[in-house]
Protein backbone atom coordinates (compact mmCIF):
# COMPACT_ATOMS: atom_id res chain seq x y z
CA MET A 1 44.24 1.46 4.51
CA VAL A 2 47.37 3.51 5.11
CA GLU A 3 45.20 6.63 4.82
CA ALA A 4 43.10 5.37 7.75
CA LEU A 5 46.20 5.59 9.94
CA LYS A 6 45.87 9.38 9.73
CA VAL A 7 42.37 9.30 11.24
CA GLU A 8 42.70 9.01 15.00
CA HIS A 9 39.47 7.11 15.66
CA LEU A 10 40.29 4.56 12.92
CA ARG A 11 43.99 4.17 13.66
CA ARG A 12 43.92 1.10 15.91
CA GLU A 13 41.58 -0.84 13.64
CA ALA A 14 43.68 0.05 10.59
CA ILE A 15 46.87 -1.05 12.32
CA GLU A 16 45.34 -4.37 13.31
CA ALA A 17 44.01 -4.92 9.79
CA LEU A 18 47.43 -4.24 8.28
CA GLY A 19 48.94 -6.78 10.68
CA LYS A 20 46.41 -9.36 9.52
CA VAL A 21 47.36 -8.70 5.88
CA GLY A 22 50.97 -9.52 6.78
CA PRO A 23 53.85 -9.22 4.27
CA PRO A 24 51.71 -7.88 1.41
CA ALA A 25 51.21 -4.74 3.56
CA ARG A 26 54.89 -3.78 3.34
CA ALA A 27 54.01 -0.37 1.89
CA ALA A 28 52.61 0.56 5.31
CA ILE A 29 55.90 -0.03 7.15
CA PRO A 30 57.03 3.66 7.17
CA ALA A 31 53.67 4.81 8.55
CA LEU A 32 53.68 2.08 11.21
CA VAL A 33 57.24 2.90 12.22
CA ALA A 34 56.13 6.50 12.76
CA LEU A 35 53.34 5.31 15.06
CA GLN A 36 55.24 2.74 17.12
CA ASN A 37 56.17 5.23 19.86
CA GLU A 38 52.69 6.71 20.28
CA ALA A 39 51.13 6.02 23.67
CA LEU A 40 47.76 4.72 22.55
CA VAL A 41 48.65 2.68 19.48
CA GLY A 42 52.37 2.01 19.69
CA ILE A 43 52.04 -1.56 20.89
CA TYR A 44 49.61 -2.34 18.06
CA ALA A 45 51.96 -0.77 15.51
CA LYS A 46 54.87 -2.85 16.82
CA ASP A 47 52.78 -6.02 16.60
CA ALA A 48 51.67 -5.20 13.04
CA LEU A 49 55.25 -4.46 12.00
CA SER A 50 56.33 -7.84 13.34
CA LYS A 51 53.60 -9.61 11.37
CA ILE A 52 54.33 -7.67 8.18
CA ARG A 53 58.05 -8.31 8.44
CA GLY A 54 57.42 -11.99 9.18
CA ASN A 55 59.05 -11.97 12.62
């Protein structure tokens, strides 16, 4: 699923799916951190990071 983050038209859905996976998706944290400041998906990346980190 981390590979889908590189495909612009799949990015949002991949981010949301990773957030739903939660802590087992920890391997995606670096990729999500890199996306958290992007205009179109940053808010979704921040939300997914929170869910993955258990915040």
